Amino acid sequence: MGRNRDDFTPDVKRQLERRVASVCSKPGCGRITAGPHSDPSKSVSVGEAGHITSAAKGGPRYDETLTPEQRRAATNGIWLCCACHEIVDADSSPFSADVLREWKSEAEKRAREAVELAKKRDAMPAFVTLLHRSMELIPDRSLARSMPLLFRHVHEVVADVRAPCARENAVDLRAVVVEHLRARNALWGHLESVPDVELAYYGIAHVPLAIHMGHLLGTRMSVHYAERERDGNVWRWLGESTTPFPDLKVHQPDDLGDTRDVAISVGVSYPVTTHQIVSSVGEMPIVRLAVDAPALDIVRSRTQIEAYSSTFREALERIARVDSISRVHLFAATPMCLSFALGRQVRNTVHPGVYAYNYRRGGVRPYSWRLLMTDDPDAAAQPRHLG
């Protein structure tokens, strides 16, 4: 190293690595940077301590206001894998010092949460995971590999409906329901055969399919959730939380009237507009459930999911008390896990028939197809639009 560089000491490097559990701090990377060597007395590392502001004049993000001691301090360092370190320090790097500080803070937060969860691991239940995929190939056991310290993983059931959903405007709903029923029955078998086991749900699936899978599973079991971070393949566990979250407010017509059909819109990730509903199914009363400012990634905890799904159930039960209503048309702009939780509230024995609609940007009908909440594959294959 050159004499004019304010390099980190070995102790600082070890501190930076240990504060993020030897995992690259760049969002979406998640690469483990330390492991065993072929020599049992050695280990290997593909991680490096990067400077947030450069160690020497002329380097990336150099800050001349810092003292040498501040440049070589742990507060000026971030732990990265070799590849991400090279990207961050490239001449054309778009990553500012503030961005790197945010990465560092989030990486340390993830490591802290993992340590706290690991302390509770022995008291946590064993989990059967349900991987649900209709839009892309999520590798099997992705959640268990992403969170090895989080829970004791017993078995995984995969509900894979990518093939029936390959043609966006011609989804094979009958095949979808058949696969969902197979997955549900497999889950029930594992959940009933292993004492004290609980279910963890995750994946990437169309909103109506997540709602339908939740409907099939119902409320007979405890369910936990994980969502994929938007900027990579890192899964975020949605645990219990006391952090305040936006209320899901209900706006219901004063009089539903003598109507056969009613719509429910749930605006959480995005707003659901009257135009979108009317252009998809025609004029009908609309019961609106929405947060004040819908946004992506607004749902952050299992506590929030349970609160929102409870509000949805109450709205659905008010509708069920109107004798004339026989069909409910559900338009949900919700993250996948919340969609699943909404479906768990639908009961065919007490509620009108519920159709969940799939949104597609562009086209004459914004909500391009629908799926009836049913365990009858033939009923699911009926005409998809009202009229």
Protein backbone atom coordinates (compact mmCIF):
# COMPACT_ATOMS: atom_id res chain seq x y z
CA MET A 1 0.00 0.00 0.00
CA GLY A 2 1.14 3.53 -0.74
CA ARG A 3 2.22 5.78 2.08
CA ASN A 4 -0.43 8.35 1.20
CA ARG A 5 -3.31 5.93 1.69
CA ASP A 6 -5.28 5.91 4.91
CA ASP A 7 -5.91 2.17 4.97
CA PHE A 8 -7.94 0.22 7.50
CA THR A 9 -6.17 -1.78 10.17
CA PRO A 10 -6.80 -5.54 10.33
CA ASP A 11 -8.94 -5.00 13.43
CA VAL A 12 -11.20 -2.52 11.61
CA LYS A 13 -11.57 -4.91 8.66
CA ARG A 14 -12.59 -7.74 10.99
CA GLN A 15 -15.07 -5.42 12.70
CA LEU A 16 -16.65 -4.39 9.40
CA GLU A 17 -16.98 -8.01 8.31
CA ARG A 18 -18.41 -9.26 11.57
CA ARG A 19 -20.97 -6.42 11.80
CA VAL A 20 -22.66 -7.76 8.65
CA ALA A 21 -22.12 -11.47 9.39
CA SER A 22 -19.62 -11.88 6.51
CA VAL A 23 -22.30 -11.00 3.92
CA CYS A 24 -21.85 -8.46 1.12
CA SER A 25 -23.61 -5.18 2.00
CA LYS A 26 -24.76 -4.34 -1.54
CA PRO A 27 -28.56 -4.74 -1.76
CA GLY A 28 -29.57 -7.71 -3.85
CA CYS A 29 -26.17 -9.41 -3.67
CA GLY A 30 -26.32 -11.32 -0.39
CA ARG A 31 -23.07 -13.18 -1.15
CA ILE A 32 -21.48 -14.92 1.83
CA THR A 33 -17.85 -13.79 1.82
CA ALA A 34 -16.15 -16.33 4.11
CA GLY A 35 -15.97 -20.11 4.08
CA PRO A 36 -13.79 -23.17 4.63
CA HIS A 37 -10.47 -23.80 2.88
CA SER A 38 -9.48 -27.27 1.65
CA ASP A 39 -6.91 -27.14 4.43
CA PRO A 40 -8.97 -27.71 7.62
CA SER A 41 -6.77 -25.24 9.48
CA LYS A 42 -7.56 -22.37 7.09
CA SER A 43 -10.48 -20.36 5.74
CA VAL A 44 -11.07 -18.40 2.54
CA SER A 45 -12.56 -14.95 2.02
CA VAL A 46 -13.98 -13.21 -1.03
CA GLY A 47 -14.85 -10.08 0.91
CA GLU A 48 -13.13 -6.72 1.19
CA ALA A 49 -13.38 -3.65 3.37
CA GLY A 50 -14.23 -0.77 1.06
CA HIS A 51 -13.82 2.91 1.81
CA ILE A 52 -17.01 4.93 1.72
CA THR A 53 -14.90 7.98 1.03
CA SER A 54 -11.57 7.19 -0.59
CA ALA A 55 -8.43 6.36 1.35
CA ALA A 56 -6.37 8.65 -0.88
CA LYS A 57 -6.75 11.81 -2.93
CA GLY A 58 -8.00 11.08 -6.43
CA GLY A 59 -9.94 7.98 -5.35
CA PRO A 60 -13.71 7.51 -5.55
CA ARG A 61 -15.75 9.79 -3.30
CA TYR A 62 -12.65 11.39 -1.73
CA ASP A 63 -13.53 13.83 1.07
CA GLU A 64 -10.72 16.25 1.82
CA THR A 65 -12.47 17.47 5.00
CA LEU A 66 -11.77 14.17 6.78
CA THR A 67 -8.70 13.58 8.89
CA PRO A 68 -6.53 10.49 8.28
CA GLU A 69 -7.97 8.96 11.45
CA GLN A 70 -11.53 9.46 10.16
CA ARG A 71 -10.70 7.94 6.77
CA ARG A 72 -9.33 4.76 8.30
CA ALA A 73 -12.08 4.49 10.96
CA ALA A 74 -14.79 1.82 10.82
CA THR A 75 -17.39 4.55 10.28
CA ASN A 76 -15.85 5.15 6.85
CA GLY A 77 -15.89 1.48 5.85
CA ILE A 78 -18.34 -0.90 4.23
CA TRP A 79 -18.01 -4.67 3.80
CA LEU A 80 -18.45 -5.90 0.20
CA CYS A 81 -17.69 -8.97 -1.86
CA CYS A 82 -14.79 -8.52 -4.29
CA ALA A 83 -17.07 -8.10 -7.32
CA CYS A 84 -19.30 -5.47 -5.71
CA HIS A 85 -16.27 -3.63 -4.33
CA GLU A 86 -14.88 -3.35 -7.86
CA ILE A 87 -18.21 -2.07 -9.18
CA VAL A 88 -18.55 0.49 -6.40
CA ASP A 89 -15.05 1.89 -6.94
CA ALA A 90 -15.18 1.94 -10.77
CA ASP A 91 -14.53 5.24 -12.52
CA SER A 92 -18.13 5.40 -13.74
CA SER A 93 -19.64 4.34 -10.42
CA PRO A 94 -22.98 6.05 -9.73
CA PHE A 95 -22.87 5.19 -6.03
CA SER A 96 -22.42 8.17 -3.75
CA ALA A 97 -21.09 8.11 -0.20
CA ASP A 98 -24.64 8.58 1.13
CA VAL A 99 -25.82 5.55 -0.86
CA LEU A 100 -23.01 3.41 0.58
CA ARG A 101 -23.82 4.58 4.10
CA GLU A 102 -27.43 3.53 3.53
CA TRP A 103 -26.28 0.11 2.27
CA LYS A 104 -24.10 -0.29 5.33
CA SER A 105 -26.91 0.67 7.70
CA GLU A 106 -29.37 -1.74 6.09
CA ALA A 107 -26.82 -4.59 6.02
CA GLU A 108 -26.06 -4.13 9.71
CA LYS A 109 -29.78 -4.01 10.43
CA ARG A 110 -30.30 -7.32 8.61
CA ALA A 111 -27.43 -8.91 10.53
CA ARG A 112 -28.76 -7.58 13.84
CA GLU A 113 -32.23 -8.96 13.11
CA ALA A 114 -30.76 -12.32 12.12
CA VAL A 115 -28.81 -12.51 15.39
CA GLU A 116 -31.92 -11.61 17.40
CA LEU A 117 -33.99 -14.19 15.55
CA ALA A 118 -31.29 -16.81 15.98
CA LYS A 119 -31.49 -16.31 19.74
CA LYS A 120 -35.20 -17.15 19.57
CA ARG A 121 -34.79 -20.02 17.09
CA ASP A 122 -35.11 -22.86 19.57
CA ALA A 123 -38.39 -21.43 20.84
CA MET A 124 -39.80 -21.03 17.33
CA PRO A 125 -41.91 -23.70 15.65
CA ALA A 126 -40.71 -25.90 12.85
CA PHE A 127 -41.96 -24.79 9.44
CA VAL A 128 -43.32 -26.35 6.30
CA THR A 129 -42.81 -23.82 3.50
CA LEU A 130 -45.21 -23.27 0.62
CA LEU A 131 -43.46 -21.87 -2.46
CA HIS A 132 -46.01 -20.41 -4.89
CA ARG A 133 -44.86 -19.46 -8.38
CA SER A 134 -46.79 -18.47 -11.49
CA MET A 135 -44.74 -15.62 -12.94
CA GLU A 136 -41.11 -16.75 -12.74
CA LEU A 137 -38.91 -19.61 -11.59
CA ILE A 138 -38.13 -19.14 -7.92
CA PRO A 139 -35.65 -21.93 -7.01
CA ASP A 140 -36.91 -24.55 -4.57
CA ARG A 141 -36.04 -23.94 -0.90
CA SER A 142 -35.08 -20.32 -1.62
CA LEU A 143 -36.50 -19.15 1.71
CA ALA A 144 -34.65 -21.76 3.75
CA ARG A 145 -31.38 -20.96 1.98
CA SER A 146 -31.93 -17.22 2.35
CA MET A 147 -32.68 -17.45 6.07
CA PRO A 148 -30.73 -20.44 7.43
CA LEU A 149 -30.69 -19.06 10.96
CA LEU A 150 -34.33 -18.06 11.03
CA PHE A 151 -36.28 -21.24 11.46
CA ARG A 152 -36.14 -25.01 11.57
CA HIS A 153 -37.18 -26.07 8.08
CA VAL A 154 -39.03 -29.39 7.84
CA HIS A 155 -40.32 -29.67 4.28
CA GLU A 156 -41.30 -27.58 1.26
CA VAL A 157 -44.38 -27.92 -0.95
CA VAL A 158 -44.22 -26.19 -4.33
CA ALA A 159 -47.33 -24.92 -6.12
CA ASP A 160 -46.00 -24.29 -9.63
CA VAL A 161 -48.57 -22.90 -12.08
CA ARG A 162 -46.22 -21.21 -14.52
CA ALA A 163 -47.29 -23.47 -17.40
CA PRO A 164 -51.06 -22.78 -17.07
CA CYS A 165 -50.25 -19.05 -16.83
CA ALA A 166 -47.82 -18.92 -19.75
CA ARG A 167 -50.37 -17.17 -22.00
CA GLU A 168 -51.49 -14.02 -20.19
CA ASN A 169 -54.83 -13.74 -21.99
CA ALA A 170 -55.58 -17.48 -21.97
CA VAL A 171 -54.78 -18.71 -18.47
CA ASP A 172 -55.83 -22.33 -17.93
CA LEU A 173 -57.78 -21.77 -14.73
CA ARG A 174 -58.85 -25.38 -14.43
CA ALA A 175 -55.23 -26.53 -14.42
CA VAL A 176 -54.40 -23.82 -11.87
CA VAL A 177 -57.06 -25.06 -9.44
CA VAL A 178 -56.00 -28.69 -9.91
CA GLU A 179 -52.39 -27.81 -9.00
CA HIS A 180 -53.50 -25.65 -6.07
CA LEU A 181 -55.59 -28.53 -4.71
CA ARG A 182 -52.63 -30.92 -5.04
CA ALA A 183 -50.39 -28.50 -3.15
CA ARG A 184 -53.03 -27.92 -0.46
CA ASN A 185 -53.51 -31.65 0.13
CA ALA A 186 -49.75 -32.18 0.31
CA LEU A 187 -49.47 -29.36 2.85
CA TRP A 188 -52.23 -30.75 5.02
CA GLY A 189 -50.48 -34.10 5.05
CA HIS A 190 -47.21 -32.61 6.29
CA LEU A 191 -48.85 -30.25 8.77
CA GLU A 192 -50.87 -33.05 10.33
CA SER A 193 -48.00 -35.53 10.50
CA VAL A 194 -45.40 -33.30 12.19
CA PRO A 195 -46.12 -32.06 15.74
CA ASP A 196 -46.06 -28.30 16.34
CA VAL A 197 -45.26 -27.45 12.72
CA GLU A 198 -46.46 -24.20 11.12
CA LEU A 199 -46.71 -22.87 7.57
CA ALA A 200 -44.53 -20.22 5.90
CA TYR A 201 -45.82 -18.85 2.57
CA TYR A 202 -43.69 -17.10 -0.07
CA GLY A 203 -43.02 -16.83 -3.81
CA ILE A 204 -44.09 -14.76 -6.83
CA ALA A 205 -47.62 -15.34 -8.13
CA HIS A 206 -50.48 -13.42 -9.75
CA VAL A 207 -52.74 -11.72 -7.20
CA PRO A 208 -55.87 -13.83 -7.95
CA LEU A 209 -53.82 -17.02 -7.62
CA ALA A 210 -52.38 -15.97 -4.25
CA ILE A 211 -55.94 -15.13 -3.12
CA HIS A 212 -57.18 -18.52 -4.32
CA MET A 213 -54.39 -20.44 -2.58
CA GLY A 214 -55.19 -18.59 0.65
CA HIS A 215 -58.88 -19.43 0.18
CA LEU A 216 -58.08 -23.15 -0.15
CA LEU A 217 -55.91 -23.14 2.98
CA GLY A 218 -58.37 -21.13 5.08
CA THR A 219 -57.74 -20.24 8.70
CA ARG A 220 -57.26 -23.72 10.11
CA MET A 221 -53.51 -23.20 10.57
CA SER A 222 -51.05 -20.52 11.64
CA VAL A 223 -49.36 -18.86 8.64
CA HIS A 224 -46.16 -16.82 8.48
CA TYR A 225 -44.98 -14.80 5.50
CA ALA A 226 -41.90 -13.68 3.59
CA GLU A 227 -41.71 -11.21 0.69
CA ARG A 228 -38.85 -10.83 -1.77
CA GLU A 229 -37.00 -7.54 -1.63
CA ARG A 230 -37.62 -5.61 -4.82
CA ASP A 231 -33.94 -5.06 -5.64
CA GLY A 232 -32.75 -8.66 -5.48
CA ASN A 233 -33.26 -12.24 -4.35
CA VAL A 234 -33.19 -11.52 -0.62
CA TRP A 235 -36.30 -12.62 1.27
CA ARG A 236 -37.69 -10.46 4.06
CA TRP A 237 -39.43 -12.22 6.97
CA LEU A 238 -42.65 -10.45 7.95
CA GLY A 239 -42.70 -10.91 11.71
CA GLU A 240 -44.74 -9.43 14.52
CA SER A 241 -44.27 -5.69 14.99
CA THR A 242 -45.43 -2.82 17.17
CA THR A 243 -44.39 -0.23 14.56
CA PRO A 244 -47.37 1.92 13.47
CA PHE A 245 -48.65 1.37 9.94
CA PRO A 246 -51.28 3.14 7.79
CA ASP A 247 -54.90 2.26 8.48
CA LEU A 248 -56.85 0.38 5.81
CA LYS A 249 -59.94 2.59 5.65
CA VAL A 250 -63.35 1.41 4.47
CA HIS A 251 -65.66 3.50 2.29
CA GLN A 252 -68.99 1.76 1.71
CA PRO A 253 -72.07 3.04 -0.14
CA ASP A 254 -74.86 4.06 2.22
CA ASP A 255 -77.25 1.72 0.45
CA LEU A 256 -76.11 -1.27 -1.58
CA GLY A 257 -79.63 -1.45 -2.98
CA ASP A 258 -81.32 -4.38 -4.63
CA THR A 259 -78.23 -5.52 -6.51
CA ARG A 260 -76.86 -8.90 -7.46
CA ASP A 261 -73.25 -7.79 -7.92
CA VAL A 262 -70.94 -5.67 -5.79
CA ALA A 263 -67.25 -4.84 -6.16
CA ILE A 264 -64.61 -4.63 -3.44
CA SER A 265 -61.43 -2.71 -4.20
CA VAL A 266 -58.37 -3.02 -1.97
CA GLY A 267 -55.80 -0.30 -2.70
CA VAL A 268 -52.54 -0.89 -0.84
CA SER A 269 -49.69 -1.13 -3.37
CA TYR A 270 -51.55 0.98 -5.95
CA PRO A 271 -54.88 2.83 -6.10
CA VAL A 272 -57.77 0.96 -7.70
CA THR A 273 -59.85 3.43 -9.71
CA THR A 274 -63.54 3.47 -10.54
CA HIS A 275 -62.65 3.59 -14.25
CA GLN A 276 -60.60 0.39 -13.95
CA ILE A 277 -63.48 -1.44 -12.29
CA VAL A 278 -66.26 -0.14 -14.55
CA SER A 279 -64.30 -0.82 -17.74
CA SER A 280 -63.70 -4.39 -16.53
CA VAL A 281 -67.12 -5.40 -15.14
CA GLY A 282 -69.56 -2.53 -15.70
CA GLU A 283 -71.44 -0.33 -13.24
CA MET A 284 -72.10 -1.71 -9.76
CA PRO A 285 -71.77 -0.55 -6.12
CA ILE A 286 -68.16 -0.41 -4.94
CA VAL A 287 -66.93 -1.00 -1.40
CA ARG A 288 -63.51 0.63 -1.16
CA LEU A 289 -60.72 -0.41 1.18
CA ALA A 290 -57.58 1.70 0.86
CA VAL A 291 -54.69 3.29 2.69
CA ASP A 292 -54.33 7.05 2.30
CA ALA A 293 -51.20 6.81 0.16
CA PRO A 294 -50.87 3.43 -1.60
CA ALA A 295 -47.25 2.50 -2.30
CA LEU A 296 -45.04 -0.48 -3.06
CA ASP A 297 -43.52 -2.26 -0.06
CA ILE A 298 -45.90 -0.54 2.36
CA VAL A 299 -46.69 -3.86 4.07
CA ARG A 300 -43.83 -4.68 6.43
CA SER A 301 -45.10 -7.11 9.08
CA ARG A 302 -47.33 -10.06 9.80
CA THR A 303 -49.15 -7.85 12.29
CA GLN A 304 -50.09 -5.47 9.48
CA ILE A 305 -51.21 -8.32 7.21
CA GLU A 306 -53.51 -9.69 9.90
CA ALA A 307 -54.99 -6.24 10.60
CA TYR A 308 -55.71 -5.57 6.92
CA SER A 309 -57.19 -9.02 6.29
CA SER A 310 -59.42 -8.60 9.35
CA THR A 311 -60.74 -5.32 7.92
CA PHE A 312 -61.41 -7.08 4.61
CA ARG A 313 -63.28 -9.90 6.35
CA GLU A 314 -65.51 -7.41 8.19
CA ALA A 315 -66.36 -5.68 4.90
CA LEU A 316 -67.11 -9.01 3.24
CA GLU A 317 -69.39 -10.06 6.09
CA ARG A 318 -71.37 -6.80 5.86
CA ILE A 319 -71.91 -7.53 2.17
CA ALA A 320 -72.98 -11.09 2.95
CA ARG A 321 -75.83 -9.73 5.09
CA VAL A 322 -77.44 -8.20 1.98
CA ASP A 323 -79.69 -10.99 0.69
CA SER A 324 -79.77 -9.88 -2.94
CA ILE A 325 -75.99 -9.99 -3.45
CA SER A 326 -74.76 -13.24 -4.97
CA ARG A 327 -71.43 -12.20 -6.56
CA VAL A 328 -68.52 -10.20 -5.20
CA HIS A 329 -65.89 -8.91 -7.63
CA LEU A 330 -62.57 -8.40 -5.86
CA PHE A 331 -59.98 -5.99 -7.28
CA ALA A 332 -56.90 -6.13 -5.04
CA ALA A 333 -53.75 -4.10 -5.63
CA THR A 334 -51.90 -5.83 -2.82
CA PRO A 335 -48.54 -7.56 -2.24
CA MET A 336 -48.54 -11.30 -2.61
CA CYS A 337 -48.62 -12.26 1.06
CA LEU A 338 -51.49 -9.89 1.79
CA SER A 339 -53.34 -11.30 -1.23
CA PHE A 340 -52.96 -14.79 0.27
CA ALA A 341 -54.22 -13.52 3.63
CA LEU A 342 -57.29 -11.91 2.01
CA GLY A 343 -58.15 -15.22 0.39
CA ARG A 344 -58.04 -16.97 3.75
CA GLN A 345 -61.03 -14.87 4.85
CA VAL A 346 -63.36 -16.03 2.03
CA ARG A 347 -65.86 -18.73 3.07
CA ASN A 348 -68.11 -20.20 0.40
CA THR A 349 -70.55 -21.40 3.06
CA VAL A 350 -71.29 -17.89 4.35
CA HIS A 351 -70.17 -15.44 1.64
CA PRO A 352 -71.43 -14.79 -1.89
CA GLY A 353 -69.29 -16.14 -4.72
CA VAL A 354 -66.03 -14.17 -4.81
CA TYR A 355 -64.20 -13.55 -8.10
CA ALA A 356 -60.65 -12.21 -7.84
CA TYR A 357 -59.45 -10.21 -10.86
CA ASN A 358 -55.98 -9.97 -12.39
CA TYR A 359 -54.66 -6.56 -13.41
CA ARG A 360 -52.79 -6.06 -16.65
CA ARG A 361 -51.47 -2.70 -17.79
CA GLY A 362 -52.92 -1.64 -21.14
CA GLY A 363 -55.72 -3.31 -23.05
CA VAL A 364 -59.44 -2.63 -23.11
CA ARG A 365 -60.04 -4.31 -19.76
CA PRO A 366 -57.42 -3.34 -17.12
CA TYR A 367 -58.42 -6.44 -15.15
CA SER A 368 -58.03 -9.04 -17.85
CA TRP A 369 -59.21 -12.31 -16.22
CA ARG A 370 -60.79 -13.54 -13.03
CA LEU A 371 -60.75 -16.64 -10.84
CA LEU A 372 -63.67 -17.85 -8.74
CA MET A 373 -62.84 -18.81 -5.17
CA THR A 374 -63.75 -22.48 -5.41
CA ASP A 375 -62.27 -25.95 -5.06
CA ASP A 376 -64.15 -27.10 -8.17
CA PRO A 377 -61.78 -27.04 -11.17
CA ASP A 378 -64.67 -27.06 -13.65
CA ALA A 379 -66.36 -24.07 -11.99
CA ALA A 380 -63.07 -22.15 -12.19
CA ALA A 381 -63.01 -22.68 -15.97
CA GLN A 382 -66.34 -20.86 -16.53
CA PRO A 383 -66.45 -17.61 -18.61
CA ARG A 384 -64.09 -15.12 -17.07
CA HIS A 385 -65.94 -11.84 -17.49
CA LEU A 386 -69.25 -10.55 -16.28
CA GLY A 387 -72.01 -10.37 -18.86
